[in-house]
Amino acid sequence: MEWTTIDLGQYLTSTFPGLTLVPSLYHQWDIGIHFELGAGMYQFKDDGSLNYEMFDCVYSQALSIFNELFSDSDEIFLVTNVYQHKSYKMNRINVYNHYLKNKDIKLRLSQETLPNVFNDEATDDYYTSRFSLKCRKQDIKYPLLIKAACNEDFPLKPKFRSVANYPDVFFINITKNVVFFIYDRGCEVIATNKETVLPLYEKYGDWLDEYSREEIVKRFK
C-alpha cells in the first residue's frame, strides 16, 4: 500500500483548522466524544494498594474504542508531545523504540520544536518537542502504548520514560479523519464527520463522561 505524502502540519491545517493538538480536544471541536474510563471504580483499595481490577477495566475500554476507530488498512499518524523546560536538554523518549513492531518505519520519524502549545503564561518557559510517525495499526504495539498512556500517574508498567513531563500521545487516523487521545482515566475522540463516531456514541453511551454527557447527547441529536 502506498503512503500519502502529506505531513502532519499540512494535514492538521487542512483537516482540523484551528485545532491545537493538546489535551481537551473535545472542547475545541464540535464533533467529538469524551469518555470516562473505569467509571464508578477507584484506583486504590481500602488497604491503599492499587486496584488492578480498575486498571484492567480502563485498558479494556480504551482498547475497545481504539479498535472501533482504527482498522488494519487505515493510515495513522502516531504523535507524541513532550513538554520540556527551556533549561533542560531534550532526551530521547522510548515511544518509538519500544512500541514499534516494524523498526524500519522509524526512518519516517519526524521531529519539530514548537513554542509553548498551552495558552498559559505560567508555562512560557517551556517548549514542545513533537514527534510524529506515519504508520499502520499492525506496525505498532498499540495495546502496550494504550496501557502506558493510562499508567501516567501510577507505579505501573508499561511506562513512558522521559526527563520531561509525561508525554501526551495522540493517534490520528488520516484515512477516516479521526483524532484519538487517551489519558489515565478517560479519552477524547474528535472527527470531521459525525457519522464516523456515531457508532461509538451508540455502542458505548454508558461510558460517556458524566460532566459532558448532556452536551454530548445534544451533539448527536
N, C-alpha and C. Protein backbone atom coordinates (compact mmCIF):
# COMPACT_ATOMS: atom_id res chain seq x y z
N MET A 1 0.84 -1.20 0.00
CA MET A 1 0.00 0.00 0.00
C MET A 1 0.87 1.25 0.00
N GLU A 2 0.52 2.21 -0.80
CA GLU A 2 1.28 3.44 -0.88
C GLU A 2 0.88 4.38 0.25
N TRP A 3 1.84 5.23 0.64
CA TRP A 3 1.59 6.20 1.69
C TRP A 3 1.22 7.54 1.07
N THR A 4 0.34 8.28 1.73
CA THR A 4 0.08 9.64 1.30
C THR A 4 1.30 10.49 1.63
N THR A 5 1.48 11.57 0.88
CA THR A 5 2.68 12.38 1.05
C THR A 5 2.48 13.55 2.00
N ILE A 6 1.27 13.79 2.46
CA ILE A 6 1.00 14.92 3.34
C ILE A 6 1.71 14.73 4.68
N ASP A 7 2.26 15.84 5.24
CA ASP A 7 2.88 15.73 6.55
C ASP A 7 1.87 16.15 7.62
N LEU A 8 2.26 16.00 8.88
CA LEU A 8 1.34 16.23 9.98
C LEU A 8 0.80 17.65 10.00
N GLY A 9 1.68 18.62 9.85
CA GLY A 9 1.25 20.01 9.88
C GLY A 9 0.26 20.34 8.79
N GLN A 10 0.54 19.88 7.58
CA GLN A 10 -0.37 20.11 6.46
C GLN A 10 -1.72 19.46 6.73
N TYR A 11 -1.66 18.24 7.25
CA TYR A 11 -2.90 17.50 7.49
C TYR A 11 -3.77 18.22 8.51
N LEU A 12 -3.20 18.62 9.64
CA LEU A 12 -3.97 19.26 10.69
C LEU A 12 -4.55 20.59 10.21
N THR A 13 -3.76 21.35 9.48
CA THR A 13 -4.22 22.65 8.99
C THR A 13 -5.39 22.51 8.03
N SER A 14 -5.32 21.51 7.16
CA SER A 14 -6.37 21.36 6.15
C SER A 14 -7.59 20.61 6.66
N THR A 15 -7.40 19.68 7.58
CA THR A 15 -8.49 18.81 8.02
C THR A 15 -9.13 19.27 9.32
N PHE A 16 -8.32 19.77 10.25
CA PHE A 16 -8.82 20.26 11.54
C PHE A 16 -8.34 21.70 11.76
N PRO A 17 -8.79 22.63 10.91
CA PRO A 17 -8.30 24.01 11.02
C PRO A 17 -8.62 24.64 12.37
N GLY A 18 -7.62 25.28 12.94
CA GLY A 18 -7.80 25.94 14.23
C GLY A 18 -7.57 25.04 15.42
N LEU A 19 -7.40 23.74 15.21
CA LEU A 19 -7.21 22.80 16.31
C LEU A 19 -5.77 22.86 16.83
N THR A 20 -5.61 22.90 18.15
CA THR A 20 -4.30 22.75 18.77
C THR A 20 -4.21 21.34 19.32
N LEU A 21 -3.18 20.62 18.92
CA LEU A 21 -3.07 19.22 19.30
C LEU A 21 -2.54 19.09 20.72
N VAL A 22 -3.46 19.29 21.65
CA VAL A 22 -3.18 19.18 23.09
C VAL A 22 -4.40 18.53 23.74
N PRO A 23 -4.29 18.07 25.00
CA PRO A 23 -5.47 17.57 25.70
C PRO A 23 -6.61 18.59 25.69
N SER A 24 -7.82 18.10 25.89
CA SER A 24 -9.05 18.89 25.78
C SER A 24 -9.42 19.14 24.32
N LEU A 25 -9.16 18.15 23.48
CA LEU A 25 -9.59 18.22 22.08
C LEU A 25 -11.10 18.38 21.97
N TYR A 26 -11.81 17.67 22.84
CA TYR A 26 -13.27 17.66 22.79
C TYR A 26 -13.85 19.07 22.88
N HIS A 27 -13.19 19.92 23.66
CA HIS A 27 -13.70 21.28 23.86
C HIS A 27 -13.31 22.21 22.71
N GLN A 28 -12.45 21.74 21.83
CA GLN A 28 -12.03 22.57 20.70
C GLN A 28 -12.80 22.27 19.42
N TRP A 29 -13.53 21.17 19.39
CA TRP A 29 -14.10 20.70 18.13
C TRP A 29 -15.56 20.30 18.34
N ASP A 30 -16.42 20.61 17.37
CA ASP A 30 -17.86 20.39 17.54
C ASP A 30 -18.26 18.92 17.46
N ILE A 31 -17.52 18.13 16.70
CA ILE A 31 -17.86 16.72 16.54
C ILE A 31 -16.89 15.90 17.39
N GLY A 32 -17.39 15.41 18.52
CA GLY A 32 -16.48 14.68 19.39
C GLY A 32 -17.19 14.06 20.57
N ILE A 33 -16.47 13.16 21.23
CA ILE A 33 -16.99 12.45 22.40
C ILE A 33 -15.90 12.42 23.47
N HIS A 34 -16.32 12.61 24.70
CA HIS A 34 -15.42 12.49 25.84
C HIS A 34 -15.88 11.29 26.68
N PHE A 35 -15.03 10.30 26.80
CA PHE A 35 -15.37 9.10 27.56
C PHE A 35 -14.67 9.11 28.91
N GLU A 36 -15.35 8.59 29.91
CA GLU A 36 -14.75 8.31 31.21
C GLU A 36 -14.51 6.81 31.29
N LEU A 37 -13.32 6.42 31.65
CA LEU A 37 -12.96 5.01 31.70
C LEU A 37 -12.90 4.52 33.14
N GLY A 38 -13.39 3.32 33.36
CA GLY A 38 -13.39 2.76 34.70
C GLY A 38 -14.31 3.52 35.64
N ALA A 39 -15.40 4.04 35.11
CA ALA A 39 -16.32 4.85 35.91
C ALA A 39 -16.87 4.05 37.10
N GLY A 40 -16.97 4.70 38.21
CA GLY A 40 -17.51 4.05 39.41
C GLY A 40 -16.51 3.19 40.15
N MET A 41 -15.28 3.12 39.64
CA MET A 41 -14.24 2.34 40.31
C MET A 41 -13.15 3.28 40.79
N TYR A 42 -12.45 2.89 41.86
CA TYR A 42 -11.41 3.74 42.43
C TYR A 42 -10.05 3.10 42.19
N GLN A 43 -9.04 3.97 42.07
CA GLN A 43 -7.70 3.47 41.75
C GLN A 43 -7.07 2.64 42.86
N PHE A 44 -7.54 2.86 44.10
CA PHE A 44 -6.92 2.18 45.23
C PHE A 44 -7.97 1.38 46.02
N LYS A 45 -7.51 0.31 46.63
CA LYS A 45 -8.36 -0.47 47.52
C LYS A 45 -8.34 0.15 48.91
N ASP A 46 -9.16 -0.38 49.78
CA ASP A 46 -9.26 0.15 51.14
C ASP A 46 -7.94 0.08 51.89
N ASP A 47 -7.10 -0.91 51.55
CA ASP A 47 -5.82 -1.05 52.25
C ASP A 47 -4.71 -0.20 51.63
N GLY A 48 -5.07 0.62 50.60
CA GLY A 48 -4.09 1.51 49.97
C GLY A 48 -3.37 0.91 48.78
N SER A 49 -3.58 -0.36 48.51
CA SER A 49 -2.94 -0.99 47.36
C SER A 49 -3.70 -0.63 46.08
N LEU A 50 -3.01 -0.77 44.95
CA LEU A 50 -3.63 -0.43 43.68
C LEU A 50 -4.77 -1.39 43.35
N ASN A 51 -5.82 -0.86 42.78
CA ASN A 51 -6.96 -1.66 42.37
C ASN A 51 -6.75 -2.12 40.92
N TYR A 52 -6.11 -3.27 40.76
CA TYR A 52 -5.76 -3.74 39.42
C TYR A 52 -7.01 -4.05 38.58
N GLU A 53 -8.09 -4.37 39.24
CA GLU A 53 -9.32 -4.63 38.51
C GLU A 53 -9.79 -3.38 37.77
N MET A 54 -9.62 -2.21 38.41
CA MET A 54 -10.00 -0.97 37.76
C MET A 54 -9.11 -0.71 36.54
N PHE A 55 -7.81 -0.91 36.71
CA PHE A 55 -6.89 -0.66 35.60
C PHE A 55 -7.16 -1.60 34.43
N ASP A 56 -7.47 -2.85 34.72
CA ASP A 56 -7.81 -3.78 33.64
C ASP A 56 -9.05 -3.32 32.90
N CYS A 57 -10.01 -2.76 33.63
CA CYS A 57 -11.23 -2.23 33.01
C CYS A 57 -10.90 -1.05 32.12
N VAL A 58 -10.07 -0.15 32.60
CA VAL A 58 -9.66 1.03 31.81
C VAL A 58 -8.95 0.60 30.54
N TYR A 59 -8.00 -0.33 30.66
CA TYR A 59 -7.28 -0.82 29.48
C TYR A 59 -8.26 -1.41 28.46
N SER A 60 -9.16 -2.25 28.93
CA SER A 60 -10.10 -2.94 28.05
C SER A 60 -11.01 -1.95 27.32
N GLN A 61 -11.52 -0.97 28.04
CA GLN A 61 -12.41 0.01 27.42
C GLN A 61 -11.66 0.86 26.39
N ALA A 62 -10.47 1.31 26.75
CA ALA A 62 -9.68 2.12 25.83
C ALA A 62 -9.34 1.34 24.56
N LEU A 63 -8.98 0.08 24.72
CA LEU A 63 -8.64 -0.74 23.57
C LEU A 63 -9.86 -1.00 22.68
N SER A 64 -11.02 -1.19 23.29
CA SER A 64 -12.25 -1.38 22.53
C SER A 64 -12.55 -0.17 21.66
N ILE A 65 -12.40 1.02 22.22
CA ILE A 65 -12.64 2.25 21.47
C ILE A 65 -11.63 2.38 20.34
N PHE A 66 -10.37 2.11 20.63
CA PHE A 66 -9.33 2.19 19.61
C PHE A 66 -9.64 1.26 18.44
N ASN A 67 -10.00 0.03 18.74
CA ASN A 67 -10.26 -0.94 17.67
C ASN A 67 -11.50 -0.59 16.84
N GLU A 68 -12.44 0.13 17.43
CA GLU A 68 -13.60 0.60 16.66
C GLU A 68 -13.18 1.67 15.66
N LEU A 69 -12.16 2.45 16.02
CA LEU A 69 -11.77 3.61 15.21
C LEU A 69 -10.70 3.31 14.18
N PHE A 70 -9.87 2.30 14.44
CA PHE A 70 -8.70 2.05 13.59
C PHE A 70 -8.74 0.63 13.04
N SER A 71 -8.70 0.51 11.73
CA SER A 71 -8.62 -0.79 11.08
C SER A 71 -7.21 -0.99 10.53
N ASP A 72 -6.91 -2.21 10.08
CA ASP A 72 -5.56 -2.53 9.64
C ASP A 72 -5.13 -1.72 8.42
N SER A 73 -6.07 -1.32 7.60
CA SER A 73 -5.71 -0.62 6.36
C SER A 73 -5.61 0.89 6.54
N ASP A 74 -6.02 1.41 7.68
CA ASP A 74 -6.02 2.86 7.90
C ASP A 74 -4.60 3.39 8.05
N GLU A 75 -4.39 4.58 7.52
CA GLU A 75 -3.10 5.26 7.67
C GLU A 75 -3.17 6.12 8.92
N ILE A 76 -2.12 6.05 9.73
CA ILE A 76 -2.13 6.68 11.05
C ILE A 76 -0.92 7.59 11.23
N PHE A 77 -1.13 8.71 11.89
CA PHE A 77 -0.03 9.46 12.48
C PHE A 77 0.00 9.12 13.97
N LEU A 78 1.12 8.58 14.44
CA LEU A 78 1.35 8.41 15.87
C LEU A 78 2.14 9.62 16.32
N VAL A 79 1.52 10.46 17.15
CA VAL A 79 2.10 11.76 17.51
C VAL A 79 2.36 11.80 19.01
N THR A 80 3.52 12.30 19.39
CA THR A 80 3.87 12.44 20.79
C THR A 80 4.31 13.87 21.08
N ASN A 81 3.67 14.50 22.04
CA ASN A 81 4.09 15.81 22.54
C ASN A 81 4.89 15.63 23.82
N VAL A 82 6.09 16.19 23.84
CA VAL A 82 6.91 16.19 25.05
C VAL A 82 7.10 17.64 25.47
N TYR A 83 6.64 17.97 26.67
CA TYR A 83 6.68 19.34 27.16
C TYR A 83 7.95 19.52 27.99
N GLN A 84 8.83 20.37 27.51
CA GLN A 84 10.19 20.44 28.02
C GLN A 84 10.52 21.84 28.50
N HIS A 85 11.16 21.95 29.67
CA HIS A 85 11.62 23.26 30.16
C HIS A 85 12.82 23.70 29.32
N LYS A 86 12.88 24.99 29.07
CA LYS A 86 13.93 25.51 28.19
C LYS A 86 15.34 25.27 28.74
N SER A 87 15.44 25.10 30.03
CA SER A 87 16.76 24.90 30.63
C SER A 87 17.24 23.46 30.55
N TYR A 88 16.35 22.54 30.14
CA TYR A 88 16.70 21.14 30.07
C TYR A 88 17.12 20.75 28.66
N LYS A 89 18.04 19.81 28.61
CA LYS A 89 18.41 19.25 27.33
C LYS A 89 17.45 18.13 26.99
N MET A 90 16.95 18.12 25.77
CA MET A 90 15.97 17.11 25.37
C MET A 90 16.61 15.74 25.31
N ASN A 91 16.06 14.80 26.04
CA ASN A 91 16.48 13.40 25.96
C ASN A 91 15.48 12.61 25.13
N ARG A 92 15.94 11.52 24.60
CA ARG A 92 15.04 10.68 23.80
C ARG A 92 13.99 10.04 24.69
N ILE A 93 12.80 9.88 24.16
CA ILE A 93 11.77 9.12 24.86
C ILE A 93 11.66 7.76 24.17
N ASN A 94 11.02 6.83 24.85
CA ASN A 94 11.04 5.46 24.34
C ASN A 94 9.80 5.06 23.55
N VAL A 95 8.93 6.02 23.23
CA VAL A 95 7.72 5.68 22.50
C VAL A 95 8.04 5.00 21.17
N TYR A 96 9.07 5.49 20.50
CA TYR A 96 9.37 4.98 19.17
C TYR A 96 10.49 3.93 19.17
N ASN A 97 10.94 3.55 20.33
CA ASN A 97 11.93 2.48 20.43
C ASN A 97 11.30 1.17 20.88
N HIS A 98 10.42 1.24 21.86
CA HIS A 98 9.90 0.03 22.49
C HIS A 98 8.49 -0.34 22.06
N TYR A 99 7.84 0.50 21.29
CA TYR A 99 6.44 0.24 20.97
C TYR A 99 6.19 0.07 19.47
N LEU A 100 7.25 -0.21 18.73
CA LEU A 100 7.12 -0.45 17.29
C LEU A 100 7.38 -1.92 16.99
N LYS A 101 6.50 -2.52 16.20
CA LYS A 101 6.76 -3.87 15.70
C LYS A 101 7.69 -3.83 14.50
N ASN A 102 7.46 -2.85 13.64
CA ASN A 102 8.25 -2.69 12.43
C ASN A 102 9.27 -1.58 12.65
N LYS A 103 10.50 -1.95 13.02
CA LYS A 103 11.51 -0.96 13.35
C LYS A 103 11.93 -0.12 12.14
N ASP A 104 11.74 -0.64 10.93
CA ASP A 104 12.17 0.08 9.75
C ASP A 104 11.43 1.40 9.56
N ILE A 105 10.20 1.48 10.07
CA ILE A 105 9.42 2.70 9.85
C ILE A 105 9.96 3.87 10.67
N LYS A 106 10.90 3.62 11.59
CA LYS A 106 11.49 4.73 12.33
C LYS A 106 12.20 5.72 11.42
N LEU A 107 12.53 5.28 10.23
CA LEU A 107 13.17 6.17 9.26
C LEU A 107 12.24 7.30 8.86
N ARG A 108 10.94 7.11 9.08
CA ARG A 108 9.96 8.15 8.73
C ARG A 108 9.63 9.06 9.91
N LEU A 109 10.31 8.86 11.03
CA LEU A 109 10.02 9.65 12.22
C LEU A 109 10.43 11.11 12.01
N SER A 110 9.52 12.02 12.31
CA SER A 110 9.79 13.44 12.19
C SER A 110 9.74 14.09 13.57
N GLN A 111 10.53 15.14 13.75
CA GLN A 111 10.52 15.89 15.00
C GLN A 111 10.50 17.37 14.69
N GLU A 112 9.70 18.11 15.42
CA GLU A 112 9.69 19.56 15.30
C GLU A 112 9.64 20.17 16.69
N THR A 113 10.22 21.35 16.82
CA THR A 113 10.21 22.08 18.08
C THR A 113 9.22 23.22 17.96
N LEU A 114 8.27 23.25 18.89
CA LEU A 114 7.21 24.26 18.88
C LEU A 114 7.30 25.10 20.14
N PRO A 115 6.84 26.34 20.09
CA PRO A 115 6.74 27.11 21.33
C PRO A 115 5.69 26.48 22.25
N ASN A 116 5.55 27.01 23.41
CA ASN A 116 4.55 26.52 24.35
C ASN A 116 3.19 26.40 23.65
N VAL A 117 2.59 25.22 23.67
CA VAL A 117 1.33 25.00 22.96
C VAL A 117 0.12 25.28 23.83
N PHE A 118 0.35 25.59 25.11
CA PHE A 118 -0.75 25.91 26.01
C PHE A 118 -0.87 27.42 26.17
N ASN A 119 -2.08 27.91 26.24
CA ASN A 119 -2.31 29.34 26.45
C ASN A 119 -2.23 29.65 27.94
N ASP A 120 -1.03 29.55 28.45
CA ASP A 120 -0.82 29.70 29.89
C ASP A 120 0.53 30.37 30.11
N GLU A 121 0.51 31.59 30.65
CA GLU A 121 1.74 32.33 30.86
C GLU A 121 2.68 31.60 31.81
N ALA A 122 2.12 30.79 32.70
CA ALA A 122 2.95 30.08 33.67
C ALA A 122 3.87 29.06 33.01
N THR A 123 3.56 28.69 31.76
CA THR A 123 4.39 27.70 31.06
C THR A 123 5.19 28.32 29.94
N ASP A 124 5.42 29.62 29.99
CA ASP A 124 6.18 30.29 28.94
C ASP A 124 7.62 29.82 28.87
N ASP A 125 8.12 29.26 29.95
CA ASP A 125 9.49 28.76 29.96
C ASP A 125 9.59 27.35 29.40
N TYR A 126 8.51 26.86 28.84
CA TYR A 126 8.51 25.52 28.26
C TYR A 126 8.36 25.58 26.74
N TYR A 127 8.84 24.56 26.10
CA TYR A 127 8.60 24.38 24.67
C TYR A 127 8.09 22.96 24.46
N THR A 128 7.63 22.68 23.27
CA THR A 128 7.09 21.35 22.95
C THR A 128 7.94 20.70 21.87
N SER A 129 8.42 19.52 22.15
CA SER A 129 9.03 18.69 21.12
C SER A 129 7.96 17.73 20.63
N ARG A 130 7.66 17.82 19.36
CA ARG A 130 6.60 16.98 18.80
C ARG A 130 7.20 15.97 17.83
N PHE A 131 6.94 14.71 18.11
CA PHE A 131 7.39 13.62 17.25
C PHE A 131 6.17 13.05 16.52
N SER A 132 6.35 12.73 15.26
CA SER A 132 5.24 12.13 14.51
C SER A 132 5.78 11.04 13.59
N LEU A 133 5.00 9.99 13.48
CA LEU A 133 5.39 8.84 12.67
C LEU A 133 4.19 8.34 11.91
N LYS A 134 4.32 8.23 10.61
CA LYS A 134 3.25 7.70 9.79
C LYS A 134 3.37 6.18 9.79
N CYS A 135 2.29 5.50 10.12
CA CYS A 135 2.33 4.05 10.27
C CYS A 135 0.95 3.46 10.06
N ARG A 136 0.84 2.16 10.29
CA ARG A 136 -0.46 1.49 10.32
C ARG A 136 -0.56 0.70 11.62
N LYS A 137 -1.76 0.30 11.91
CA LYS A 137 -2.05 -0.35 13.19
C LYS A 137 -1.12 -1.53 13.46
N GLN A 138 -0.87 -2.31 12.45
CA GLN A 138 -0.07 -3.52 12.65
C GLN A 138 1.42 -3.23 12.83
N ASP A 139 1.83 -1.96 12.63
CA ASP A 139 3.23 -1.59 12.81
C ASP A 139 3.58 -1.29 14.26
N ILE A 140 2.58 -1.07 15.10
CA ILE A 140 2.82 -0.59 16.45
C ILE A 140 2.23 -1.54 17.49
N LYS A 141 2.82 -1.53 18.67
CA LYS A 141 2.31 -2.32 19.79
C LYS A 141 1.26 -1.48 20.53
N TYR A 142 0.14 -1.27 19.86
CA TYR A 142 -0.85 -0.32 20.38
C TYR A 142 -1.45 -0.73 21.73
N PRO A 143 -1.64 -2.02 22.04
CA PRO A 143 -2.14 -2.33 23.39
C PRO A 143 -1.20 -1.83 24.48
N LEU A 144 0.12 -1.97 24.26
CA LEU A 144 1.08 -1.50 25.25
C LEU A 144 1.13 0.01 25.29
N LEU A 145 1.04 0.66 24.13
CA LEU A 145 1.01 2.12 24.07
C LEU A 145 -0.18 2.66 24.86
N ILE A 146 -1.32 2.05 24.67
CA ILE A 146 -2.53 2.50 25.37
C ILE A 146 -2.37 2.29 26.88
N LYS A 147 -1.82 1.17 27.28
CA LYS A 147 -1.60 0.93 28.71
C LYS A 147 -0.64 1.96 29.29
N ALA A 148 0.43 2.25 28.58
CA ALA A 148 1.41 3.22 29.07
C ALA A 148 0.78 4.60 29.24
N ALA A 149 -0.09 4.98 28.32
CA ALA A 149 -0.78 6.27 28.43
C ALA A 149 -1.68 6.29 29.66
N CYS A 150 -2.33 5.18 29.94
CA CYS A 150 -3.23 5.08 31.10
C CYS A 150 -2.48 5.05 32.42
N ASN A 151 -1.22 4.65 32.38
CA ASN A 151 -0.44 4.46 33.61
C ASN A 151 0.28 5.72 34.07
N GLU A 152 -0.05 6.85 33.48
CA GLU A 152 0.72 8.08 33.70
C GLU A 152 1.01 8.38 35.17
N ASP A 153 0.02 8.33 36.02
CA ASP A 153 0.16 8.79 37.40
C ASP A 153 0.37 7.65 38.40
N PHE A 154 0.68 6.46 37.89
CA PHE A 154 0.72 5.32 38.80
C PHE A 154 1.98 4.48 38.57
N PRO A 155 2.48 3.81 39.61
CA PRO A 155 3.69 2.98 39.50
C PRO A 155 3.39 1.65 38.83
N LEU A 156 3.04 1.72 37.57
CA LEU A 156 2.69 0.53 36.80
C LEU A 156 3.50 0.48 35.52
N LYS A 157 3.65 -0.70 34.99
CA LYS A 157 4.29 -0.88 33.69
C LYS A 157 3.28 -1.44 32.71
N PRO A 158 3.41 -1.07 31.42
CA PRO A 158 4.46 -0.26 30.79
C PRO A 158 4.34 1.21 31.15
N LYS A 159 5.45 1.93 30.94
CA LYS A 159 5.53 3.33 31.32
C LYS A 159 6.42 4.05 30.31
N PHE A 160 6.04 5.27 29.94
CA PHE A 160 6.91 6.09 29.10
C PHE A 160 7.99 6.69 29.98
N ARG A 161 9.24 6.63 29.54
CA ARG A 161 10.33 7.24 30.28
C ARG A 161 10.75 8.54 29.60
N SER A 162 10.84 9.58 30.39
CA SER A 162 11.24 10.88 29.85
C SER A 162 11.66 11.76 31.00
N VAL A 163 12.64 12.65 30.77
CA VAL A 163 13.03 13.59 31.81
C VAL A 163 12.04 14.74 31.87
N ALA A 164 11.24 14.86 30.85
CA ALA A 164 10.25 15.93 30.80
C ALA A 164 8.97 15.50 31.50
N ASN A 165 7.95 16.33 31.44
CA ASN A 165 6.64 15.92 31.90
C ASN A 165 6.19 14.71 31.08
N TYR A 166 5.30 13.93 31.64
CA TYR A 166 4.84 12.72 30.95
C TYR A 166 4.30 13.09 29.57
N PRO A 167 4.76 12.44 28.52
CA PRO A 167 4.33 12.84 27.17
C PRO A 167 2.86 12.52 26.89
N ASP A 168 2.26 13.32 26.03
CA ASP A 168 0.91 13.07 25.54
C ASP A 168 1.01 12.36 24.20
N VAL A 169 0.24 11.31 24.03
CA VAL A 169 0.27 10.52 22.79
C VAL A 169 -1.09 10.60 22.10
N PHE A 170 -1.07 10.93 20.81
CA PHE A 170 -2.28 11.06 20.01
C PHE A 170 -2.21 10.07 18.86
N PHE A 171 -3.32 9.40 18.59
CA PHE A 171 -3.45 8.54 17.41
C PHE A 171 -4.36 9.27 16.43
N ILE A 172 -3.84 9.55 15.25
CA ILE A 172 -4.62 10.30 14.26
C ILE A 172 -4.86 9.39 13.05
N ASN A 173 -6.11 9.10 12.79
CA ASN A 173 -6.48 8.26 11.65
C ASN A 173 -6.71 9.19 10.46
N ILE A 174 -5.75 9.24 9.54
CA ILE A 174 -5.86 10.16 8.42
C ILE A 174 -6.67 9.56 7.27
N THR A 175 -7.04 8.31 7.39
CA THR A 175 -7.96 7.70 6.43
C THR A 175 -9.40 8.09 6.76
N LYS A 176 -9.73 8.12 8.04
CA LYS A 176 -11.10 8.41 8.48
C LYS A 176 -11.24 9.80 9.10
N ASN A 177 -10.13 10.52 9.23
CA ASN A 177 -10.14 11.87 9.82
C ASN A 177 -10.69 11.86 11.24
N VAL A 178 -9.97 11.12 12.08
CA VAL A 178 -10.32 10.97 13.50
C VAL A 178 -9.06 11.19 14.33
N VAL A 179 -9.21 11.88 15.46
CA VAL A 179 -8.12 12.02 16.42
C VAL A 179 -8.55 11.36 17.73
N PHE A 180 -7.68 10.52 18.26
CA PHE A 180 -7.95 9.78 19.50
C PHE A 180 -6.85 10.11 20.50
N PHE A 181 -7.24 10.63 21.65
CA PHE A 181 -6.29 10.94 22.71
C PHE A 181 -6.74 10.25 23.99
N ILE A 182 -5.82 9.59 24.65
CA ILE A 182 -6.15 8.86 25.87
C ILE A 182 -5.27 9.34 27.01
N TYR A 183 -5.88 9.45 28.19
CA TYR A 183 -5.13 9.79 29.39
C TYR A 183 -5.52 8.78 30.48
N ASP A 184 -5.14 9.03 31.73
CA ASP A 184 -5.21 7.96 32.73
C ASP A 184 -6.62 7.44 33.01
N ARG A 185 -7.64 8.29 32.99
CA ARG A 185 -8.99 7.81 33.30
C ARG A 185 -10.02 8.20 32.25
N GLY A 186 -9.57 8.51 31.06
CA GLY A 186 -10.53 8.90 30.04
C GLY A 186 -9.90 8.99 28.67
N CYS A 187 -10.72 9.31 27.69
CA CYS A 187 -10.21 9.52 26.34
C CYS A 187 -11.14 10.45 25.58
N GLU A 188 -10.57 11.09 24.57
CA GLU A 188 -11.31 12.02 23.73
C GLU A 188 -11.22 11.55 22.29
N VAL A 189 -12.31 11.68 21.57
CA VAL A 189 -12.37 11.33 20.15
C VAL A 189 -13.01 12.49 19.41
N ILE A 190 -12.34 13.00 18.39
CA ILE A 190 -12.96 14.01 17.54
C ILE A 190 -12.85 13.56 16.09
N ALA A 191 -13.75 14.07 15.25
CA ALA A 191 -13.78 13.66 13.85
C ALA A 191 -14.35 14.79 13.00
N THR A 192 -14.14 14.69 11.70
CA THR A 192 -14.69 15.69 10.79
C THR A 192 -16.11 15.36 10.37
N ASN A 193 -16.52 14.12 10.60
CA ASN A 193 -17.84 13.66 10.18
C ASN A 193 -18.53 12.97 11.35
N LYS A 194 -19.72 13.42 11.69
CA LYS A 194 -20.45 12.85 12.81
C LYS A 194 -20.73 11.36 12.61
N GLU A 195 -20.97 10.94 11.37
CA GLU A 195 -21.28 9.54 11.10
C GLU A 195 -20.12 8.62 11.44
N THR A 196 -18.92 9.15 11.44
CA THR A 196 -17.74 8.33 11.75
C THR A 196 -17.73 7.90 13.21
N VAL A 197 -18.17 8.78 14.11
CA VAL A 197 -18.12 8.47 15.54
C VAL A 197 -19.48 8.14 16.14
N LEU A 198 -20.53 8.23 15.34
CA LEU A 198 -21.86 7.89 15.83
C LEU A 198 -21.94 6.46 16.36
N PRO A 199 -21.32 5.46 15.70
CA PRO A 199 -21.36 4.10 16.25
C PRO A 199 -20.75 4.01 17.64
N LEU A 200 -19.72 4.80 17.92
CA LEU A 200 -19.13 4.81 19.26
C LEU A 200 -20.13 5.33 20.28
N TYR A 201 -20.80 6.41 19.92
CA TYR A 201 -21.79 7.01 20.80
C TYR A 201 -22.91 6.01 21.11
N GLU A 202 -23.34 5.30 20.08
CA GLU A 202 -24.44 4.35 20.25
C GLU A 202 -24.00 3.10 21.02
N LYS A 203 -22.79 2.65 20.80
CA LYS A 203 -22.33 1.40 21.40
C LYS A 203 -21.82 1.58 22.82
N TYR A 204 -21.17 2.72 23.07
CA TYR A 204 -20.52 2.93 24.37
C TYR A 204 -21.10 4.14 25.10
N GLY A 205 -22.39 4.38 24.93
CA GLY A 205 -23.03 5.52 25.58
C GLY A 205 -22.93 5.49 27.09
N ASP A 206 -22.84 4.29 27.67
CA ASP A 206 -22.73 4.18 29.12
C ASP A 206 -21.39 4.68 29.64
N TRP A 207 -20.41 4.85 28.75
CA TRP A 207 -19.08 5.27 29.16
C TRP A 207 -18.87 6.78 29.03
N LEU A 208 -19.88 7.52 28.60
CA LEU A 208 -19.72 8.96 28.42
C LEU A 208 -19.31 9.63 29.72
N ASP A 209 -18.45 10.61 29.60
CA ASP A 209 -18.06 11.40 30.76
C ASP A 209 -19.29 12.11 31.32
N GLU A 210 -19.57 11.91 32.59
CA GLU A 210 -20.80 12.42 33.18
C GLU A 210 -20.88 13.93 33.14
N TYR A 211 -19.76 14.61 33.29
CA TYR A 211 -19.76 16.07 33.27
C TYR A 211 -20.05 16.61 31.87
N SER A 212 -19.80 15.80 30.85
CA SER A 212 -20.01 16.23 29.47
C SER A 212 -21.22 15.57 28.82
N ARG A 213 -21.90 14.67 29.55
CA ARG A 213 -22.94 13.85 28.95
C ARG A 213 -24.03 14.68 28.28
N GLU A 214 -24.55 15.68 28.96
CA GLU A 214 -25.65 16.47 28.41
C GLU A 214 -25.25 17.13 27.09
N GLU A 215 -24.06 17.68 27.06
CA GLU A 215 -23.59 18.34 25.84
C GLU A 215 -23.37 17.32 24.72
N ILE A 216 -22.81 16.16 25.06
CA ILE A 216 -22.57 15.13 24.03
C ILE A 216 -23.89 14.65 23.43
N VAL A 217 -24.87 14.43 24.27
CA VAL A 217 -26.19 13.99 23.77
C VAL A 217 -26.75 15.03 22.81
N LYS A 218 -26.60 16.30 23.11
CA LYS A 218 -27.09 17.35 22.22
C LYS A 218 -26.36 17.31 20.88
N ARG A 219 -25.11 17.00 20.90
CA ARG A 219 -24.32 16.95 19.67
C ARG A 219 -24.81 15.86 18.72
N PHE A 220 -25.37 14.80 19.29
CA PHE A 220 -25.75 13.66 18.45
C PHE A 220 -27.25 13.55 18.25
N LYS A 221 -28.01 14.56 18.64
CA LYS A 221 -29.45 14.54 18.36
C LYS A 221 -29.70 14.77 16.89
